[in-house]
PDB file of N, CA and C in Angstrom:
ATOM      1  N   ARG A   1     -59.485  80.234   2.772  1.00  0.00           N
ATOM      2  CA  ARG A   1     -59.442  80.389   1.329  1.00  0.00           C
ATOM      3  C   ARG A   1     -58.221  79.709   0.742  1.00  0.00           C
ATOM      4  N   ASN A   2     -57.052  79.885   1.363  1.00  0.00           N
ATOM      5  CA  ASN A   2     -55.849  79.236   0.859  1.00  0.00           C
ATOM      6  C   ASN A   2     -55.986  77.716   0.929  1.00  0.00           C
ATOM      7  N   ARG A   3     -56.557  77.244   2.004  1.00  0.00           N
ATOM      8  CA  ARG A   3     -56.758  75.792   2.154  1.00  0.00           C
ATOM      9  C   ARG A   3     -57.672  75.268   1.055  1.00  0.00           C
ATOM     10  N   GLN A   4     -58.714  75.992   0.771  1.00  0.00           N
ATOM     11  CA  GLN A   4     -59.656  75.578  -0.271  1.00  0.00           C
ATOM     12  C   GLN A   4     -58.957  75.497  -1.628  1.00  0.00           C
ATOM     13  N   VAL A   5     -58.104  76.466  -1.917  1.00  0.00           N
ATOM     14  CA  VAL A   5     -57.338  76.435  -3.166  1.00  0.00           C
ATOM     15  C   VAL A   5     -56.472  75.182  -3.200  1.00  0.00           C
ATOM     16  N   GLY A   6     -55.791  74.897  -2.111  1.00  0.00           N
ATOM     17  CA  GLY A   6     -54.941  73.712  -2.047  1.00  0.00           C
ATOM     18  C   GLY A   6     -55.713  72.423  -2.251  1.00  0.00           C
ATOM     19  N   LEU A   7     -56.860  72.312  -1.629  1.00  0.00           N
ATOM     20  CA  LEU A   7     -57.670  71.109  -1.778  1.00  0.00           C
ATOM     21  C   LEU A   7     -58.126  70.922  -3.223  1.00  0.00           C
ATOM     22  N   LEU A   8     -58.508  72.009  -3.854  1.00  0.00           N
ATOM     23  CA  LEU A   8     -58.968  71.915  -5.243  1.00  0.00           C
ATOM     24  C   LEU A   8     -57.816  71.645  -6.204  1.00  0.00           C
ATOM     25  N   LEU A   9     -56.648  72.208  -5.932  1.00  0.00           N
ATOM     26  CA  LEU A   9     -55.468  71.892  -6.743  1.00  0.00           C
ATOM     27  C   LEU A   9     -55.144  70.404  -6.628  1.00  0.00           C
ATOM     28  N   ALA A  10     -55.250  69.871  -5.430  1.00  0.00           N
ATOM     29  CA  ALA A  10     -54.963  68.450  -5.210  1.00  0.00           C
ATOM     30  C   ALA A  10     -55.939  67.559  -5.968  1.00  0.00           C
ATOM     31  N   ARG A  11     -57.121  68.059  -6.217  1.00  0.00           N
ATOM     32  CA  ARG A  11     -58.112  67.302  -7.002  1.00  0.00           C
ATOM     33  C   ARG A  11     -57.876  67.416  -8.499  1.00  0.00           C
ATOM     34  N   GLY A  12     -56.915  68.258  -8.880  1.00  0.00           N
ATOM     35  CA  GLY A  12     -56.571  68.366 -10.293  1.00  0.00           C
ATOM     36  C   GLY A  12     -57.189  69.535 -11.028  1.00  0.00           C
ATOM     37  N   LEU A  13     -57.875  70.414 -10.324  1.00  0.00           N
ATOM     38  CA  LEU A  13     -58.460  71.573 -10.985  1.00  0.00           C
ATOM     39  C   LEU A  13     -57.379  72.596 -11.314  1.00  0.00           C
ATOM     40  N   ALA A  14     -57.588  73.342 -12.375  1.00  0.00           N
ATOM     41  CA  ALA A  14     -56.659  74.397 -12.772  1.00  0.00           C
ATOM     42  C   ALA A  14     -56.849  75.615 -11.869  1.00  0.00           C
ATOM     43  N   LEU A  15     -55.757  76.324 -11.608  1.00  0.00           N
ATOM     44  CA  LEU A  15     -55.816  77.479 -10.721  1.00  0.00           C
ATOM     45  C   LEU A  15     -56.826  78.518 -11.205  1.00  0.00           C
ATOM     46  N   ALA A  16     -56.836  78.806 -12.486  1.00  0.00           N
ATOM     47  CA  ALA A  16     -57.779  79.806 -13.015  1.00  0.00           C
ATOM     48  C   ALA A  16     -59.220  79.401 -12.723  1.00  0.00           C
ATOM     49  N   ASP A  17     -59.527  78.125 -12.878  1.00  0.00           N
ATOM     50  CA  ASP A  17     -60.882  77.642 -12.602  1.00  0.00           C
ATOM     51  C   ASP A  17     -61.208  77.736 -11.112  1.00  0.00           C
ATOM     52  N   ILE A  18     -60.226  77.439 -10.290  1.00  0.00           N
ATOM     53  CA  ILE A  18     -60.428  77.504  -8.845  1.00  0.00           C
ATOM     54  C   ILE A  18     -60.723  78.937  -8.414  1.00  0.00           C
ATOM     55  N   LEU A  19     -59.922  79.869  -8.902  1.00  0.00           N
ATOM     56  CA  LEU A  19     -60.110  81.268  -8.511  1.00  0.00           C
ATOM     57  C   LEU A  19     -61.450  81.798  -8.982  1.00  0.00           C
ATOM     58  N   GLN A  20     -61.865  81.383 -10.159  1.00  0.00           N
ATOM     59  CA  GLN A  20     -63.173  81.803 -10.659  1.00  0.00           C
ATOM     60  C   GLN A  20     -64.284  81.207  -9.790  1.00  0.00           C
ATOM     61  N   GLN A  21     -64.126  79.970  -9.416  1.00  0.00           N
ATOM     62  CA  GLN A  21     -65.116  79.291  -8.594  1.00  0.00           C
ATOM     63  C   GLN A  21     -65.215  79.910  -7.197  1.00  0.00           C
ATOM     64  N   LEU A  22     -64.073  80.286  -6.620  1.00  0.00           N
ATOM     65  CA  LEU A  22     -64.073  80.877  -5.282  1.00  0.00           C
ATOM     66  C   LEU A  22     -64.777  82.225  -5.257  1.00  0.00           C
ATOM     67  N   GLY A  23     -64.479  83.033  -6.246  1.00  0.00           N
ATOM     68  CA  GLY A  23     -65.101  84.344  -6.304  1.00  0.00           C
ATOM     69  C   GLY A  23     -64.522  85.367  -5.348  1.00  0.00           C
ATOM     70  N   HIS A  24     -63.454  85.020  -4.639  1.00  0.00           N
ATOM     71  CA  HIS A  24     -62.792  85.969  -3.754  1.00  0.00           C
ATOM     72  C   HIS A  24     -61.302  85.658  -3.729  1.00  0.00           C
ATOM     73  N   VAL A  25     -60.550  86.538  -3.134  1.00  0.00           N
ATOM     74  CA  VAL A  25     -59.090  86.438  -3.167  1.00  0.00           C
ATOM     75  C   VAL A  25     -58.585  85.402  -2.164  1.00  0.00           C
ATOM     76  N   ALA A  26     -57.674  84.564  -2.633  1.00  0.00           N
ATOM     77  CA  ALA A  26     -56.907  83.688  -1.744  1.00  0.00           C
ATOM     78  C   ALA A  26     -55.517  84.309  -1.682  1.00  0.00           C
ATOM     79  N   GLU A  27     -55.202  84.924  -0.558  1.00  0.00           N
ATOM     80  CA  GLU A  27     -54.004  85.749  -0.436  1.00  0.00           C
ATOM     81  C   GLU A  27     -52.721  85.010  -0.822  1.00  0.00           C
ATOM     82  N   GLY A  28     -52.625  83.747  -0.463  1.00  0.00           N
ATOM     83  CA  GLY A  28     -51.414  82.983  -0.723  1.00  0.00           C
ATOM     84  C   GLY A  28     -51.097  82.825  -2.195  1.00  0.00           C
ATOM     85  N   VAL A  29     -52.109  82.798  -3.032  1.00  0.00           N
ATOM     86  CA  VAL A  29     -51.906  82.668  -4.472  1.00  0.00           C
ATOM     87  C   VAL A  29     -51.121  83.861  -5.005  1.00  0.00           C
ATOM     88  N   LEU A  30     -51.403  85.028  -4.487  1.00  0.00           N
ATOM     89  CA  LEU A  30     -50.725  86.234  -4.943  1.00  0.00           C
ATOM     90  C   LEU A  30     -49.394  86.466  -4.244  1.00  0.00           C
ATOM     91  N   THR A  31     -49.290  86.061  -2.983  1.00  0.00           N
ATOM     92  CA  THR A  31     -48.083  86.363  -2.229  1.00  0.00           C
ATOM     93  C   THR A  31     -46.971  85.321  -2.392  1.00  0.00           C
ATOM     94  N   ALA A  32     -47.316  84.083  -2.692  1.00  0.00           N
ATOM     95  CA  ALA A  32     -46.289  83.032  -2.778  1.00  0.00           C
ATOM     96  C   ALA A  32     -45.209  83.348  -3.814  1.00  0.00           C
ATOM     97  N   PRO A  33     -45.550  83.737  -5.042  1.00  0.00           N
ATOM     98  CA  PRO A  33     -44.491  84.059  -6.007  1.00  0.00           C
ATOM     99  C   PRO A  33     -43.638  85.265  -5.576  1.00  0.00           C
ATOM    100  N   THR A  34     -44.250  86.242  -4.964  1.00  0.00           N
ATOM    101  CA  THR A  34     -43.515  87.410  -4.480  1.00  0.00           C
ATOM    102  C   THR A  34     -42.575  87.025  -3.352  1.00  0.00           C
ATOM    103  N   LEU A  35     -43.054  86.210  -2.441  1.00  0.00           N
ATOM    104  CA  LEU A  35     -42.228  85.726  -1.342  1.00  0.00           C
ATOM    105  C   LEU A  35     -41.031  84.932  -1.871  1.00  0.00           C
ATOM    106  N   LEU A  36     -41.269  84.072  -2.846  1.00  0.00           N
ATOM    107  CA  LEU A  36     -40.189  83.277  -3.420  1.00  0.00           C
ATOM    108  C   LEU A  36     -39.141  84.167  -4.075  1.00  0.00           C
ATOM    109  N   ALA A  37     -39.577  85.149  -4.844  1.00  0.00           N
ATOM    110  CA  ALA A  37     -38.634  86.061  -5.503  1.00  0.00           C
ATOM    111  C   ALA A  37     -37.791  86.799  -4.468  1.00  0.00           C
ATOM    112  N   ARG A  38     -38.417  87.238  -3.407  1.00  0.00           N
ATOM    113  CA  ARG A  38     -37.678  87.957  -2.352  1.00  0.00           C
ATOM    114  C   ARG A  38     -36.682  87.036  -1.660  1.00  0.00           C
ATOM    115  N   ALA A  39     -37.091  85.809  -1.383  1.00  0.00           N
ATOM    116  CA  ALA A  39     -36.194  84.844  -0.741  1.00  0.00           C
ATOM    117  C   ALA A  39     -34.999  84.544  -1.639  1.00  0.00           C
ATOM    118  N   GLN A  40     -35.249  84.373  -2.923  1.00  0.00           N
ATOM    119  CA  GLN A  40     -34.161  84.085  -3.856  1.00  0.00           C
ATOM    120  C   GLN A  40     -33.184  85.253  -3.936  1.00  0.00           C
ATOM    121  N   ARG A  41     -33.694  86.469  -3.962  1.00  0.00           N
ATOM    122  CA  ARG A  41     -32.813  87.647  -3.983  1.00  0.00           C
ATOM    123  C   ARG A  41     -31.956  87.720  -2.725  1.00  0.00           C
ATOM    124  N   SER A  42     -32.504  87.229  -1.607  1.00  0.00           N
ATOM    125  CA  SER A  42     -31.804  87.291  -0.333  1.00  0.00           C
ATOM    126  C   SER A  42     -30.960  86.043  -0.064  1.00  0.00           C
ATOM    127  N   GLY A  43     -31.014  85.071  -0.956  1.00  0.00           N
ATOM    128  CA  GLY A  43     -30.244  83.853  -0.778  1.00  0.00           C
ATOM    129  C   GLY A  43     -30.812  82.907   0.269  1.00  0.00           C
ATOM    130  N   VAL A  44     -32.116  82.995   0.496  1.00  0.00           N
ATOM    131  CA  VAL A  44     -32.780  82.147   1.483  1.00  0.00           C
ATOM    132  C   VAL A  44     -33.415  80.958   0.773  1.00  0.00           C
ATOM    133  N   ASP A  45     -33.111  79.754   1.243  1.00  0.00           N
ATOM    134  CA  ASP A  45     -33.666  78.533   0.667  1.00  0.00           C
ATOM    135  C   ASP A  45     -35.046  78.279   1.268  1.00  0.00           C
ATOM    136  N   MET A  46     -36.058  78.234   0.430  1.00  0.00           N
ATOM    137  CA  MET A  46     -37.430  78.004   0.890  1.00  0.00           C
ATOM    138  C   MET A  46     -38.066  76.924   0.018  1.00  0.00           C
ATOM    139  N   PRO A  47     -37.713  75.653   0.255  1.00  0.00           N
ATOM    140  CA  PRO A  47     -38.169  74.576  -0.617  1.00  0.00           C
ATOM    141  C   PRO A  47     -39.685  74.396  -0.644  1.00  0.00           C
ATOM    142  N   ILE A  48     -40.353  74.631   0.445  1.00  0.00           N
ATOM    143  CA  ILE A  48     -41.813  74.485   0.442  1.00  0.00           C
ATOM    144  C   ILE A  48     -42.433  75.567  -0.425  1.00  0.00           C
ATOM    145  N   THR A  49     -41.940  76.778  -0.318  1.00  0.00           N
ATOM    146  CA  THR A  49     -42.452  77.868  -1.145  1.00  0.00           C
ATOM    147  C   THR A  49     -42.166  77.602  -2.616  1.00  0.00           C
ATOM    148  N   VAL A  50     -40.988  77.066  -2.933  1.00  0.00           N
ATOM    149  CA  VAL A  50     -40.665  76.693  -4.314  1.00  0.00           C
ATOM    150  C   VAL A  50     -41.703  75.694  -4.831  1.00  0.00           C
ATOM    151  N   ALA A  51     -42.021  74.703  -4.020  1.00  0.00           N
ATOM    152  CA  ALA A  51     -42.997  73.685  -4.411  1.00  0.00           C
ATOM    153  C   ALA A  51     -44.389  74.284  -4.591  1.00  0.00           C
ATOM    154  N   VAL A  52     -44.789  75.130  -3.669  1.00  0.00           N
ATOM    155  CA  VAL A  52     -46.113  75.760  -3.751  1.00  0.00           C
ATOM    156  C   VAL A  52     -46.234  76.583  -5.029  1.00  0.00           C
ATOM    157  N   VAL A  53     -45.228  77.381  -5.318  1.00  0.00           N
ATOM    158  CA  VAL A  53     -45.269  78.219  -6.520  1.00  0.00           C
ATOM    159  C   VAL A  53     -45.302  77.344  -7.771  1.00  0.00           C
ATOM    160  N   ALA A  54     -44.528  76.268  -7.796  1.00  0.00           N
ATOM    161  CA  ALA A  54     -44.524  75.369  -8.952  1.00  0.00           C
ATOM    162  C   ALA A  54     -45.910  74.764  -9.171  1.00  0.00           C
ATOM    163  N   VAL A  55     -46.590  74.410  -8.095  1.00  0.00           N
ATOM    164  CA  VAL A  55     -47.942  73.865  -8.210  1.00  0.00           C
ATOM    165  C   VAL A  55     -48.906  74.953  -8.685  1.00  0.00           C
ATOM    166  N   LEU A  56     -48.812  76.139  -8.102  1.00  0.00           N
ATOM    167  CA  LEU A  56     -49.700  77.231  -8.497  1.00  0.00           C
ATOM    168  C   LEU A  56     -49.549  77.586  -9.978  1.00  0.00           C
ATOM    169  N   LEU A  57     -48.315  77.529 -10.472  1.00  0.00           N
ATOM    170  CA  LEU A  57     -48.060  77.878 -11.872  1.00  0.00           C
ATOM    171  C   LEU A  57     -48.302  76.709 -12.816  1.00  0.00           C
ATOM    172  N   GLY A  58     -48.678  75.569 -12.289  1.00  0.00           N
ATOM    173  CA  GLY A  58     -48.959  74.411 -13.125  1.00  0.00           C
ATOM    174  C   GLY A  58     -47.711  73.687 -13.614  1.00  0.00           C
ATOM    175  N   ARG A  59     -46.573  73.968 -13.008  1.00  0.00           N
ATOM    176  CA  ARG A  59     -45.319  73.323 -13.414  1.00  0.00           C
ATOM    177  C   ARG A  59     -45.149  71.948 -12.779  1.00  0.00           C
ATOM    178  N   LEU A  60     -45.794  71.727 -11.651  1.00  0.00           N
ATOM    179  CA  LEU A  60     -45.754  70.444 -10.956  1.00  0.00           C
ATOM    180  C   LEU A  60     -47.142  70.091 -10.454  1.00  0.00           C
ATOM    181  N   ALA A  61     -47.451  68.822 -10.484  1.00  0.00           N
ATOM    182  CA  ALA A  61     -48.675  68.339  -9.838  1.00  0.00           C
ATOM    183  C   ALA A  61     -48.404  68.306  -8.338  1.00  0.00           C
ATOM    184  N   PRO A  62     -49.419  68.450  -7.511  1.00  0.00           N
ATOM    185  CA  PRO A  62     -49.204  68.410  -6.072  1.00  0.00           C
ATOM    186  C   PRO A  62     -48.448  67.159  -5.609  1.00  0.00           C
ATOM    187  N   ALA A  63     -48.783  66.010  -6.158  1.00  0.00           N
ATOM    188  CA  ALA A  63     -48.102  64.775  -5.759  1.00  0.00           C
ATOM    189  C   ALA A  63     -46.618  64.822  -6.115  1.00  0.00           C
ATOM    190  N   GLN A  64     -46.286  65.400  -7.264  1.00  0.00           N
ATOM    191  CA  GLN A  64     -44.882  65.532  -7.657  1.00  0.00           C
ATOM    192  C   GLN A  64     -44.141  66.474  -6.716  1.00  0.00           C
ATOM    193  N   ALA A  65     -44.778  67.566  -6.359  1.00  0.00           N
ATOM    194  CA  ALA A  65     -44.157  68.527  -5.446  1.00  0.00           C
ATOM    195  C   ALA A  65     -43.876  67.863  -4.105  1.00  0.00           C
ATOM    196  N   LEU A  66     -44.824  67.096  -3.622  1.00  0.00           N
ATOM    197  CA  LEU A  66     -44.648  66.392  -2.356  1.00  0.00           C
ATOM    198  C   LEU A  66     -43.489  65.406  -2.445  1.00  0.00           C
ATOM    199  N   GLN A  67     -43.425  64.659  -3.529  1.00  0.00           N
ATOM    200  CA  GLN A  67     -42.336  63.689  -3.695  1.00  0.00           C
ATOM    201  C   GLN A  67     -40.977  64.379  -3.690  1.00  0.00           C
ATOM    202  N   ARG A  68     -40.872  65.510  -4.364  1.00  0.00           N
ATOM    203  CA  ARG A  68     -39.603  66.256  -4.385  1.00  0.00           C
ATOM    204  C   ARG A  68     -39.217  66.742  -2.995  1.00  0.00           C
ATOM    205  N   LEU A  69     -40.198  67.199  -2.243  1.00  0.00           N
ATOM    206  CA  LEU A  69     -39.902  67.662  -0.883  1.00  0.00           C
ATOM    207  C   LEU A  69     -39.457  66.499   0.004  1.00  0.00           C
ATOM    208  N   LEU A  70     -40.126  65.377  -0.121  1.00  0.00           N
ATOM    209  CA  LEU A  70     -39.780  64.227   0.710  1.00  0.00           C
ATOM    210  C   LEU A  70     -38.445  63.600   0.316  1.00  0.00           C
ATOM    211  N   ALA A  71     -38.017  63.826  -0.922  1.00  0.00           N
ATOM    212  CA  ALA A  71     -36.755  63.262  -1.400  1.00  0.00           C
ATOM    213  C   ALA A  71     -35.546  64.087  -0.982  1.00  0.00           C
ATOM    214  N   ARG A  72     -35.770  65.254  -0.448  1.00  0.00           N
ATOM    215  CA  ARG A  72     -34.652  66.115  -0.033  1.00  0.00           C
ATOM    216  C   ARG A  72     -33.893  65.486   1.129  1.00  0.00           C
ATOM    217  N   GLU A  73     -32.601  65.699   1.134  1.00  0.00           N
ATOM    218  CA  GLU A  73     -31.768  65.231   2.246  1.00  0.00           C
ATOM    219  C   GLU A  73     -32.094  66.045   3.494  1.00  0.00           C
ATOM    220  N   ALA A  74     -32.118  65.366   4.619  1.00  0.00           N
ATOM    221  CA  ALA A  74     -32.330  66.056   5.894  1.00  0.00           C
ATOM    222  C   ALA A  74     -31.095  66.886   6.215  1.00  0.00           C
ATOM    223  N   ARG A  75     -31.330  68.046   6.795  1.00  0.00           N
ATOM    224  CA  ARG A  75     -30.210  68.891   7.199  1.00  0.00           C
ATOM    225  C   ARG A  75     -30.643  69.760   8.367  1.00  0.00           C
ATOM    226  N   ALA A  76     -29.687  70.318   9.052  1.00  0.00           N
ATOM    227  CA  ALA A  76     -29.979  71.151  10.217  1.00  0.00           C
ATOM    228  C   ALA A  76     -30.663  72.435   9.783  1.00  0.00           C
ATOM    229  N   GLU A  77     -31.606  72.869  10.572  1.00  0.00           N
ATOM    230  CA  GLU A  77     -32.287  74.141  10.336  1.00  0.00           C
ATOM    231  C   GLU A  77     -31.508  75.248  11.028  1.00  0.00           C
ATOM    232  N   ALA A  78     -31.477  76.403  10.390  1.00  0.00           N
ATOM    233  CA  ALA A  78     -30.761  77.543  10.975  1.00  0.00           C
ATOM    234  C   ALA A  78     -31.634  78.276  11.972  1.00  0.00           C
TER     235      ALA A  78
END
């Protein structure tokens, strides 16, 4: 279900239309913003989650989110 949402977002469909079309819950749509809020409160950097939430909320197109992620400087993982 989450994959299907992602594929349809990449095609340019609006999230509300996608959810109506699916007719069932895609868990990631509901949990991603909550996960991001929790990570931010804890001081954890989660750039992929930031990008996913921005796409879900219509703040970034998928291609823009990808470009921002790819433009990040490489750094060591903890």
